[in-house]
């Protein structure tokens, strides 16, 4: 059972008091020589700004009042906050190499948030090796084209499931159904097969993903209060839960690895796991990847790819349901280009500019990760006046950047047409970054657009969506992405029979 720390008020107060003392006597520093900073309180610094509401909205509020480039501190920890397209451009061009590491302490030998992970690894040989492998073999255009049939099959199965729900007049939660579809595509593309319902693999993976999402909040808590937790001897509690989930992933992935090693001599196409195992066995490889690094990478793929695509699809479909005129225009485009005799295919996407605009607008308003957290590895100076000490945490408010009123007209409105008329790549401005930017930006951006595009395209082409009232767009952090606080129950109504 996972402890719900939000309800453990005594535990939190104890950690809070301990950390106050720790900050006062050991680490609290004056910051007068740093950049612009809002008024703060003794000891806790700017913490009071974030005690209520969602972090990305709290950051947006403080930046609107005090400026797009700020120095904050929570207790003794310094933070540089970036909240405008101009400042984002400066950071990801002039200082990109310096911020290519994440200040995330590894949790023992766990496959989940552990030292073998790709996303938490410092920018070095391992990260460069994986990025090169992705770019030259796994995610190159030819590889994506070869796996197109897999996605077409899974899209057809997704359509048939929704058609069955429509015939039975059953309501669904779009995010949950899309998560199953996305997970099947990711598994088949990366390990050559989907997980089996019969032997319990699907349910095991689903439970592990749910537990991992629940743990993500606790991991954030650990990263902020790691020292006092260690002083109180409470880190073992966190480690136990994390290692339990890690062992579950380890057992599942070891079986898959064994399967791939058994078929090693067979003459067939190599999937992602085959390529990584080949690199692991190659004594002359430019980087000697370990077995744990392979397993950790797949854990991150399952969690990141599944969660972000499903939530993006759900948010965008909610916007379409709330805006019937936009939904109608999108459906007209699909009917004109694809017709009503066959299912939409990903080869249709380049010919559907309004669908592409809808996907981009959904990502702009509802980025999967609203806050991008990095670390300044070395001290530097931003814009010739803003001094940054080494090992300072950087927070880029992606949510705030993509709703900046100086860069976006009607920034809080869902208007896909803005991507049909405006030039998005402007000099010295970085205003659209749903998948981050720079060296540590998401390497699978093109695949992400395909997943979301064909999901939304199929649901708009083949179904009307019956809902009793307007969808609430209230946000909440659930798992690793920004989620809907009240996911709607929609009933698909079939409009085509394919």
Protein backbone atom coordinates (compact mmCIF):
# COMPACT_ATOMS: atom_id res chain seq x y z
CA UNK A 1 0.00 0.00 0.00
CA UNK A 2 1.33 3.43 -0.92
CA UNK A 3 1.25 6.07 1.78
CA UNK A 4 -0.82 9.12 0.85
CA UNK A 5 1.45 11.87 2.16
CA UNK A 6 -1.10 14.59 1.47
CA UNK A 7 -3.17 13.20 4.33
CA UNK A 8 -0.25 12.59 6.70
CA UNK A 9 -0.26 16.10 8.21
CA UNK A 10 1.78 15.17 11.26
CA UNK A 11 4.49 13.63 9.11
CA UNK A 12 4.66 16.67 6.85
CA UNK A 13 4.76 19.10 9.76
CA UNK A 14 7.59 17.14 11.35
CA UNK A 15 9.61 17.21 8.13
CA UNK A 16 8.79 20.88 7.66
CA UNK A 17 9.99 21.81 11.15
CA UNK A 18 13.15 19.73 10.77
CA UNK A 19 13.94 21.33 7.45
CA UNK A 20 13.40 24.81 8.85
CA UNK A 21 15.99 24.14 11.51
CA UNK A 22 18.30 22.58 8.99
CA UNK A 23 18.04 25.59 6.69
CA UNK A 24 18.52 28.15 9.45
CA UNK A 25 21.62 26.64 10.97
CA UNK A 26 23.40 25.19 7.95
CA UNK A 27 22.32 26.27 4.50
CA UNK A 28 20.43 29.55 4.46
CA UNK A 29 22.29 32.07 2.31
CA UNK A 30 21.76 35.63 1.34
CA UNK A 31 20.95 36.21 -2.29
CA UNK A 32 21.34 39.94 -2.72
CA UNK A 33 23.99 39.51 -5.42
CA UNK A 34 21.72 37.44 -7.66
CA UNK A 35 19.12 38.54 -10.19
CA UNK A 36 15.67 40.11 -9.71
CA UNK A 37 13.70 38.46 -6.93
CA UNK A 38 10.22 39.06 -5.47
CA UNK A 39 9.87 39.86 -1.77
CA UNK A 40 10.40 36.75 0.35
CA UNK A 41 9.87 35.62 3.93
CA UNK A 42 12.63 34.73 6.36
CA UNK A 43 13.74 31.10 6.31
CA UNK A 44 11.07 29.73 3.93
CA UNK A 45 11.86 32.22 1.15
CA UNK A 46 9.18 32.12 -1.55
CA UNK A 47 7.51 28.92 -0.41
CA UNK A 48 4.35 30.73 0.65
CA UNK A 49 3.59 31.53 -2.99
CA UNK A 50 3.15 27.82 -3.75
CA UNK A 51 1.23 26.50 -0.76
CA UNK A 52 -2.10 26.67 -2.57
CA UNK A 53 -3.01 25.95 -6.15
CA UNK A 54 -1.05 24.20 -8.89
CA UNK A 55 2.70 24.99 -9.19
CA UNK A 56 2.65 26.06 -12.85
CA UNK A 57 -0.17 28.53 -12.18
CA UNK A 58 1.58 29.86 -9.08
CA UNK A 59 4.74 30.40 -11.14
CA UNK A 60 2.69 32.10 -13.85
CA UNK A 61 1.10 34.44 -11.31
CA UNK A 62 4.41 35.46 -9.73
CA UNK A 63 6.04 36.00 -13.15
CA UNK A 64 3.16 38.15 -14.37
CA UNK A 65 3.67 40.41 -11.39
CA UNK A 66 7.49 40.48 -11.10
CA UNK A 67 8.95 39.59 -14.49
CA UNK A 68 9.88 36.73 -16.88
CA UNK A 69 13.31 35.97 -15.35
CA UNK A 70 13.39 35.66 -11.57
CA UNK A 71 15.53 34.31 -8.79
CA UNK A 72 13.55 32.44 -6.14
CA UNK A 73 14.57 30.40 -3.16
CA UNK A 74 12.65 27.83 -1.17
CA UNK A 75 14.41 27.43 2.15
CA UNK A 76 18.07 27.26 1.11
CA UNK A 77 17.48 26.03 -2.44
CA UNK A 78 17.95 28.64 -5.22
CA UNK A 79 15.71 28.51 -8.30
CA UNK A 80 15.87 30.43 -11.57
CA UNK A 81 12.38 30.83 -13.04
CA UNK A 82 11.92 31.44 -16.79
CA UNK A 83 8.44 32.35 -18.02
CA UNK A 84 8.63 34.10 -21.39
CA UNK A 85 9.47 33.00 -24.97
CA UNK A 86 12.36 35.48 -25.17
CA UNK A 87 13.97 34.20 -21.98
CA UNK A 88 13.33 30.59 -23.02
CA UNK A 89 15.17 31.25 -26.28
CA UNK A 90 18.11 32.74 -24.37
CA UNK A 91 18.30 29.76 -22.02
CA UNK A 92 18.05 27.06 -24.69
CA UNK A 93 20.56 28.68 -27.04
CA UNK A 94 23.24 30.41 -25.00
CA UNK A 95 23.08 28.08 -21.97
CA UNK A 96 21.77 24.81 -23.41
CA UNK A 97 24.85 22.70 -22.61
CA UNK A 98 25.03 24.10 -19.09
CA UNK A 99 21.41 23.05 -18.36
CA UNK A 100 21.53 19.61 -19.96
CA UNK A 101 21.51 17.79 -16.64
CA UNK A 102 18.70 17.26 -14.17
CA UNK A 103 19.08 17.72 -10.45
CA UNK A 104 17.25 14.50 -9.58
CA UNK A 105 18.85 12.25 -6.94
CA UNK A 106 18.73 8.60 -7.93
CA UNK A 107 16.91 6.13 -5.71
CA UNK A 108 19.24 3.19 -5.03
CA UNK A 109 19.36 0.61 -7.84
CA UNK A 110 15.72 1.02 -8.77
CA UNK A 111 14.68 0.76 -12.43
CA UNK A 112 12.17 3.47 -11.51
CA UNK A 113 13.84 6.86 -10.79
CA UNK A 114 17.12 5.00 -10.39
CA UNK A 115 20.73 5.66 -11.52
CA UNK A 116 20.30 3.60 -14.71
CA UNK A 117 17.55 5.83 -16.10
CA UNK A 118 17.97 7.82 -19.31
CA UNK A 119 15.82 10.79 -18.30
CA UNK A 120 17.66 11.38 -14.99
CA UNK A 121 21.16 10.63 -16.31
CA UNK A 122 23.66 13.50 -16.50
CA UNK A 123 24.39 14.69 -20.00
CA UNK A 124 27.31 12.48 -21.00
CA UNK A 125 28.29 9.40 -22.99
CA UNK A 126 25.19 7.37 -22.09
CA UNK A 127 22.71 10.09 -23.07
CA UNK A 128 24.61 10.81 -26.30
CA UNK A 129 24.70 7.10 -27.16
CA UNK A 130 20.95 6.61 -26.69
CA UNK A 131 20.13 9.78 -28.63
CA UNK A 132 22.34 8.63 -31.51
CA UNK A 133 20.74 5.18 -31.47
CA UNK A 134 17.27 6.70 -31.56
CA UNK A 135 18.14 9.13 -34.35
CA UNK A 136 20.01 6.68 -36.60
CA UNK A 137 18.11 3.44 -36.06
CA UNK A 138 14.98 3.48 -33.95
CA UNK A 139 13.25 6.74 -34.85
CA UNK A 140 14.71 7.48 -38.26
CA UNK A 141 12.10 8.02 -41.01
CA UNK A 142 12.64 4.57 -42.56
CA UNK A 143 12.14 2.81 -39.20
CA UNK A 144 8.97 4.78 -38.50
CA UNK A 145 7.68 3.91 -41.97
CA UNK A 146 8.41 0.19 -41.43
CA UNK A 147 6.33 0.18 -38.24
CA UNK A 148 3.39 1.98 -39.88
CA UNK A 149 1.51 -1.27 -40.34
CA UNK A 150 1.63 -1.94 -36.60
CA UNK A 151 0.02 1.40 -35.83
CA UNK A 152 -2.62 0.86 -38.52
CA UNK A 153 -3.58 -2.50 -37.00
CA UNK A 154 -3.82 -1.05 -33.50
CA UNK A 155 -5.85 1.92 -34.75
CA UNK A 156 -8.30 -0.49 -36.38
CA UNK A 157 -8.63 -2.42 -33.11
CA UNK A 158 -9.16 0.84 -31.24
CA UNK A 159 -11.93 1.78 -33.67
CA UNK A 160 -13.62 -1.62 -33.27
CA UNK A 161 -13.58 -1.29 -29.48
CA UNK A 162 -15.22 2.14 -29.67
CA UNK A 163 -17.70 0.84 -32.23
CA UNK A 164 -18.66 -1.94 -29.82
CA UNK A 165 -19.17 0.65 -27.05
CA UNK A 166 -21.33 2.70 -29.43
CA UNK A 167 -23.53 -0.30 -30.30
CA UNK A 168 -24.02 -1.00 -26.59
CA UNK A 169 -24.53 2.72 -25.88
CA UNK A 170 -21.86 2.57 -23.18
CA UNK A 171 -19.97 5.65 -22.04
CA UNK A 172 -16.19 5.68 -21.93
CA UNK A 173 -13.36 7.74 -20.49
CA UNK A 174 -11.34 8.77 -23.53
CA UNK A 175 -8.06 8.99 -21.64
CA UNK A 176 -8.25 5.41 -20.35
CA UNK A 177 -9.20 3.96 -23.72
CA UNK A 178 -6.47 5.92 -25.48
CA UNK A 179 -3.91 4.77 -22.91
CA UNK A 180 -4.59 1.12 -23.82
CA UNK A 181 -4.27 1.92 -27.52
CA UNK A 182 -1.04 3.88 -27.05
CA UNK A 183 0.47 1.25 -24.78
CA UNK A 184 -0.17 -1.47 -27.35
CA UNK A 185 1.50 0.58 -30.09
CA UNK A 186 4.53 1.39 -27.93
CA UNK A 187 4.98 -2.24 -26.89
CA UNK A 188 4.73 -3.59 -30.42
CA UNK A 189 7.11 -0.96 -31.78
CA UNK A 190 9.70 -1.38 -29.01
CA UNK A 191 9.60 -5.07 -28.01
CA UNK A 192 7.95 -6.60 -31.06
CA UNK A 193 4.71 -7.65 -29.40
CA UNK A 194 1.95 -6.41 -27.17
CA UNK A 195 1.58 -7.81 -23.68
CA UNK A 196 -0.76 -10.76 -23.31
CA UNK A 197 -4.18 -10.65 -21.67
CA UNK A 198 -4.20 -14.41 -21.16
CA UNK A 199 -1.14 -14.75 -18.93
CA UNK A 200 -1.81 -11.58 -16.96
CA UNK A 201 0.94 -9.43 -18.51
CA UNK A 202 -1.43 -6.63 -19.47
CA UNK A 203 -2.89 -6.38 -15.99
CA UNK A 204 0.58 -6.56 -14.40
CA UNK A 205 1.91 -3.76 -16.59
CA UNK A 206 -1.20 -1.66 -16.01
CA UNK A 207 -0.87 -2.04 -12.21
CA UNK A 208 2.84 -1.17 -12.33
CA UNK A 209 2.16 1.96 -14.39
CA UNK A 210 -0.60 3.07 -11.99
CA UNK A 211 1.67 2.50 -8.97
CA UNK A 212 4.48 4.41 -10.69
CA UNK A 213 2.22 7.38 -11.39
CA UNK A 214 1.12 7.39 -7.74
CA UNK A 215 4.75 7.32 -6.63
CA UNK A 216 5.74 10.27 -8.84
CA UNK A 217 4.30 12.77 -6.33
CA UNK A 218 6.20 11.13 -3.50
CA UNK A 219 9.40 11.24 -5.54
CA UNK A 220 9.02 15.01 -5.88
CA UNK A 221 8.49 15.18 -2.13
CA UNK A 222 11.64 13.12 -1.53
CA UNK A 223 13.74 15.28 -3.85
CA UNK A 224 12.80 18.44 -1.95
CA UNK A 225 13.07 17.03 1.59
CA UNK A 226 15.67 14.32 1.08
CA UNK A 227 18.14 15.55 3.73
CA UNK A 228 15.67 15.88 6.61
CA UNK A 229 14.08 12.56 5.69
CA UNK A 230 17.48 10.90 5.84
CA UNK A 231 18.19 12.58 9.18
CA UNK A 232 14.91 11.18 10.54
CA UNK A 233 15.58 7.73 9.11
CA UNK A 234 12.45 7.86 6.95
CA UNK A 235 14.06 7.40 3.53
CA UNK A 236 13.81 3.63 3.92
CA UNK A 237 10.02 3.96 3.81
CA UNK A 238 10.13 5.59 0.38
CA UNK A 239 12.76 3.21 -0.91
CA UNK A 240 10.68 0.18 0.04
CA UNK A 241 7.71 1.25 -2.09
CA UNK A 242 9.92 2.28 -4.99
CA UNK A 243 11.88 -0.96 -4.93
CA UNK A 244 8.66 -3.01 -4.80
CA UNK A 245 7.47 -1.41 -8.05
CA UNK A 246 10.97 -1.70 -9.53
CA UNK A 247 11.06 -5.44 -8.85
CA UNK A 248 7.72 -5.82 -10.63
CA UNK A 249 9.09 -4.11 -13.74
CA UNK A 250 12.31 -6.12 -13.46
CA UNK A 251 10.50 -9.48 -13.47
CA UNK A 252 8.32 -8.47 -16.43
CA UNK A 253 11.18 -7.10 -18.51
CA UNK A 254 13.53 -10.00 -17.72
CA UNK A 255 11.00 -12.35 -19.32
CA UNK A 256 10.87 -10.17 -22.42
CA UNK A 257 14.68 -9.92 -22.56
CA UNK A 258 14.95 -13.70 -22.29
CA UNK A 259 12.54 -14.09 -25.23
CA UNK A 260 14.65 -11.78 -27.37
CA UNK A 261 17.86 -13.59 -26.44
CA UNK A 262 16.32 -16.95 -27.40
CA UNK A 263 15.35 -15.70 -30.87
CA UNK A 264 18.79 -14.14 -31.37
CA UNK A 265 19.77 -16.48 -34.19
CA UNK A 266 16.48 -16.22 -36.00
CA UNK A 267 16.35 -14.23 -39.22
CA UNK A 268 13.84 -11.46 -38.59
CA UNK A 269 13.58 -7.71 -38.24
CA UNK A 270 15.21 -6.24 -35.16
CA UNK A 271 13.08 -4.21 -32.79
CA UNK A 272 14.31 -1.67 -30.26
CA UNK A 273 15.09 -4.27 -27.61
CA UNK A 274 17.07 -6.36 -30.10
CA UNK A 275 19.21 -3.36 -31.01
CA UNK A 276 19.90 -2.50 -27.39
CA UNK A 277 20.83 -6.12 -26.55
CA UNK A 278 23.15 -6.15 -29.56
CA UNK A 279 24.86 -3.01 -28.25
CA UNK A 280 25.09 -4.60 -24.79
CA UNK A 281 26.89 -7.65 -26.24
CA UNK A 282 29.19 -5.66 -28.53
CA UNK A 283 32.61 -5.39 -26.90
CA UNK A 284 33.58 -2.66 -29.38
CA UNK A 285 30.48 -0.52 -28.90
CA UNK A 286 31.14 3.18 -28.41
CA UNK A 287 29.24 2.91 -25.12
CA UNK A 288 28.87 -0.27 -23.08
CA UNK A 289 25.20 -0.16 -22.13
CA UNK A 290 24.20 -2.34 -19.18
CA UNK A 291 21.25 -4.67 -18.79
CA UNK A 292 19.79 -2.43 -16.06
CA UNK A 293 20.04 0.60 -18.35
CA UNK A 294 18.06 -1.27 -21.02
CA UNK A 295 15.33 -2.16 -18.52
CA UNK A 296 15.22 1.36 -17.07
CA UNK A 297 14.89 2.83 -20.55
CA UNK A 298 11.87 0.64 -21.27
CA UNK A 299 10.26 1.59 -17.96
CA UNK A 300 10.62 5.25 -18.97
CA UNK A 301 9.21 4.53 -22.44
CA UNK A 302 6.17 2.75 -21.00
CA UNK A 303 5.51 5.53 -18.50
CA UNK A 304 6.34 8.60 -20.58
CA UNK A 305 4.95 7.54 -23.95
CA UNK A 306 1.72 6.08 -22.60
CA UNK A 307 0.85 8.85 -20.16
CA UNK A 308 1.62 11.91 -22.27
CA UNK A 309 -0.10 10.76 -25.47
CA UNK A 310 -3.23 9.61 -23.64
CA UNK A 311 -3.62 12.82 -21.65
CA UNK A 312 -2.95 15.02 -24.68
CA UNK A 313 -5.63 13.16 -26.65
CA UNK A 314 -8.12 13.47 -23.80
CA UNK A 315 -7.50 17.21 -23.33
CA UNK A 316 -7.78 17.90 -27.06
CA UNK A 317 -10.96 15.87 -27.47
CA UNK A 318 -12.46 17.75 -24.50
CA UNK A 319 -11.66 21.05 -26.22
CA UNK A 320 -13.31 19.80 -29.42
CA UNK A 321 -16.44 18.67 -27.58
CA UNK A 322 -16.64 22.11 -25.92
CA UNK A 323 -16.16 23.83 -29.28
CA UNK A 324 -18.59 22.19 -31.75
CA UNK A 325 -17.76 24.66 -34.54
CA UNK A 326 -14.11 23.63 -34.45
CA UNK A 327 -15.10 19.97 -34.25
CA UNK A 328 -17.32 20.45 -37.32
CA UNK A 329 -14.58 22.15 -39.31
CA UNK A 330 -12.13 19.36 -38.46
CA UNK A 331 -14.64 16.67 -39.45
CA UNK A 332 -15.33 18.43 -42.76
CA UNK A 333 -11.60 18.40 -43.54
CA UNK A 334 -11.28 14.69 -42.73
CA UNK A 335 -14.39 13.80 -44.75
CA UNK A 336 -13.07 15.76 -47.73
CA UNK A 337 -9.54 14.30 -47.67
CA UNK A 338 -10.16 10.77 -46.35
CA UNK A 339 -13.81 10.22 -47.25
CA UNK A 340 -16.32 7.99 -45.50
CA UNK A 341 -15.39 4.64 -47.01
CA UNK A 342 -12.12 3.94 -45.18
CA UNK A 343 -10.45 4.61 -41.86
CA UNK A 344 -8.03 7.51 -41.55
CA UNK A 345 -4.35 6.52 -41.91
CA UNK A 346 -1.22 8.23 -40.72
CA UNK A 347 -0.22 8.83 -44.35
CA UNK A 348 -3.23 11.17 -44.47
CA UNK A 349 -1.82 13.44 -41.74
CA UNK A 350 0.32 15.65 -44.04
CA UNK A 351 -2.83 16.39 -46.05
CA UNK A 352 -4.85 17.38 -42.98
CA UNK A 353 -3.42 20.77 -41.91
CA UNK A 354 -6.36 21.63 -39.66
CA UNK A 355 -6.00 18.34 -37.76
CA UNK A 356 -2.30 19.13 -37.28
CA UNK A 357 -3.26 22.58 -36.01
CA UNK A 358 -5.80 21.08 -33.58
CA UNK A 359 -3.14 18.76 -32.13
CA UNK A 360 -0.64 21.62 -31.75
CA UNK A 361 -3.21 23.84 -30.10
CA UNK A 362 -4.15 21.08 -27.68
CA UNK A 363 -0.49 20.71 -26.73
CA UNK A 364 -0.08 24.48 -26.38
CA UNK A 365 -2.94 24.84 -23.92
CA UNK A 366 -2.34 21.57 -22.10
CA UNK A 367 1.35 20.60 -22.23
CA UNK A 368 2.00 17.13 -20.78
CA UNK A 369 4.76 18.52 -18.56
CA UNK A 370 3.89 22.15 -17.67
CA UNK A 371 7.15 22.67 -15.79
CA UNK A 372 10.57 21.83 -17.20
CA UNK A 373 13.14 21.29 -14.45
CA UNK A 374 16.87 21.31 -15.17
CA UNK A 375 20.04 22.31 -13.36
CA UNK A 376 22.76 24.86 -14.10
CA UNK A 377 25.83 22.65 -13.88
CA UNK A 378 28.22 25.61 -13.74
CA UNK A 379 27.88 29.21 -12.65
CA UNK A 380 26.98 31.63 -15.42
CA UNK A 381 25.52 35.04 -16.21
CA UNK A 382 22.24 35.44 -18.10
CA UNK A 383 21.77 38.56 -20.23
CA UNK A 384 24.94 40.14 -18.74
CA UNK A 385 23.31 40.92 -15.40
CA UNK A 386 21.64 37.83 -13.89
CA UNK A 387 24.22 35.86 -11.88
CA UNK A 388 23.53 32.16 -11.46
CA UNK A 389 25.57 30.03 -9.00
CA UNK A 390 26.53 26.50 -9.97
CA UNK A 391 24.12 23.66 -9.19
CA UNK A 392 21.15 26.06 -9.25
CA UNK A 393 17.79 24.58 -10.22
CA UNK A 394 16.21 25.93 -13.40
CA UNK A 395 12.43 25.92 -13.82
CA UNK A 396 11.02 26.81 -17.24
CA UNK A 397 7.27 27.37 -16.95
CA UNK A 398 6.28 25.80 -20.26
CA UNK A 399 2.63 26.44 -19.41
CA UNK A 400 3.34 30.15 -18.90
CA UNK A 401 5.52 30.46 -22.01
CA UNK A 402 2.81 28.98 -24.23
CA UNK A 403 0.15 31.26 -22.73
CA UNK A 404 2.26 34.41 -22.81
CA UNK A 405 -0.10 37.27 -23.84
CA UNK A 406 2.75 39.14 -25.58
CA UNK A 407 3.32 36.21 -27.93
CA UNK A 408 -0.11 34.64 -28.31
CA UNK A 409 -3.36 36.37 -29.23
CA UNK A 410 -6.16 35.30 -26.86
CA UNK A 411 -3.70 32.93 -25.15
CA UNK A 412 -6.32 31.10 -23.07
CA UNK A 413 -8.65 30.38 -25.99
CA UNK A 414 -8.66 27.18 -28.07
CA UNK A 415 -7.96 28.52 -31.56
CA UNK A 416 -6.26 25.98 -33.85
CA UNK A 417 -6.32 28.40 -36.79
CA UNK A 418 -3.46 30.33 -35.18
CA UNK A 419 -1.16 27.53 -36.42
CA UNK A 420 -2.43 27.90 -39.98
CA UNK A 421 -1.66 31.58 -40.34
CA UNK A 422 1.13 32.63 -38.00
CA UNK A 423 4.83 31.99 -38.35
CA UNK A 424 5.84 30.08 -35.24
CA UNK A 425 9.63 30.12 -35.62
CA UNK A 426 10.55 33.69 -34.88
CA UNK A 427 14.03 35.05 -34.30
CA UNK A 428 15.12 35.08 -30.65
CA UNK A 429 11.77 33.72 -29.49
CA UNK A 430 10.90 30.21 -28.33
CA UNK A 431 7.20 30.27 -27.66
CA UNK A 432 6.15 26.71 -28.53
CA UNK A 433 7.88 23.94 -26.59
CA UNK A 434 5.41 21.21 -25.55
CA UNK A 435 8.16 18.58 -25.79
CA UNK A 436 10.86 20.74 -24.18
CA UNK A 437 13.83 21.97 -26.22
CA UNK A 438 17.58 21.75 -26.60
CA UNK A 439 19.79 18.70 -26.13
CA UNK A 440 17.43 17.10 -23.63
CA UNK A 441 14.25 17.72 -25.59
CA UNK A 442 12.00 14.72 -26.26
CA UNK A 443 13.63 12.56 -28.99
CA UNK A 444 10.28 11.00 -29.99
CA UNK A 445 8.38 14.18 -30.85
CA UNK A 446 7.52 13.02 -34.37
CA UNK A 447 6.07 9.73 -33.10
CA UNK A 448 4.10 11.60 -30.43
CA UNK A 449 2.43 13.76 -33.07
CA UNK A 450 1.50 10.62 -35.03
CA UNK A 451 -0.01 8.88 -32.00
CA UNK A 452 -2.17 11.86 -31.06
CA UNK A 453 -3.04 12.75 -34.66
CA UNK A 454 -4.39 9.34 -35.67
CA UNK A 455 -6.24 8.93 -32.34
CA UNK A 456 -8.09 12.23 -32.63
CA UNK A 457 -8.56 11.82 -36.38
CA UNK A 458 -10.25 8.43 -35.96
CA UNK A 459 -12.50 9.55 -33.09
CA UNK A 460 -13.66 12.63 -35.01
CA UNK A 461 -14.07 10.81 -38.33
CA UNK A 462 -16.02 7.82 -37.02
CA UNK A 463 -18.04 9.04 -34.04
CA UNK A 464 -20.19 11.79 -32.64
CA UNK A 465 -19.74 12.31 -28.92
CA UNK A 466 -22.71 12.56 -26.60
CA UNK A 467 -22.18 14.34 -23.29
CA UNK A 468 -24.68 15.83 -20.85
CA UNK A 469 -22.89 19.10 -20.08
CA UNK A 470 -19.82 21.12 -21.01
CA UNK A 471 -16.56 19.45 -20.06
CA UNK A 472 -14.78 20.95 -17.06
CA UNK A 473 -11.21 21.96 -17.91
CA UNK A 474 -10.04 22.03 -14.29
CA UNK A 475 -6.49 20.72 -13.96
CA UNK A 476 -4.81 18.40 -11.49
CA UNK A 477 -1.48 16.60 -11.29
CA UNK A 478 -2.12 12.87 -11.63
CA UNK A 479 0.87 10.71 -12.42
CA UNK A 480 3.53 12.40 -14.52
CA UNK A 481 1.30 14.63 -16.61
CA UNK A 482 -1.18 17.44 -16.20
CA UNK A 483 -4.52 15.67 -16.05
CA UNK A 484 -8.19 16.53 -16.02
CA UNK A 485 -9.61 16.88 -12.52
CA UNK A 486 -12.97 15.60 -13.76
CA UNK A 487 -12.46 13.33 -16.78
CA UNK A 488 -15.73 13.29 -18.73
CA UNK A 489 -17.73 10.18 -19.47
CA UNK A 490 -18.58 10.38 -23.18
CA UNK A 491 -20.80 8.07 -25.19
CA UNK A 492 -19.56 7.41 -28.74
CA UNK A 493 -22.30 7.53 -31.38
CA UNK A 494 -21.30 5.79 -34.60
CA UNK A 495 -21.51 7.91 -37.77
CA UNK A 496 -19.63 5.52 -40.09
CA UNK A 497 -19.43 1.76 -40.49
CA UNK A 498 -16.02 0.81 -41.83
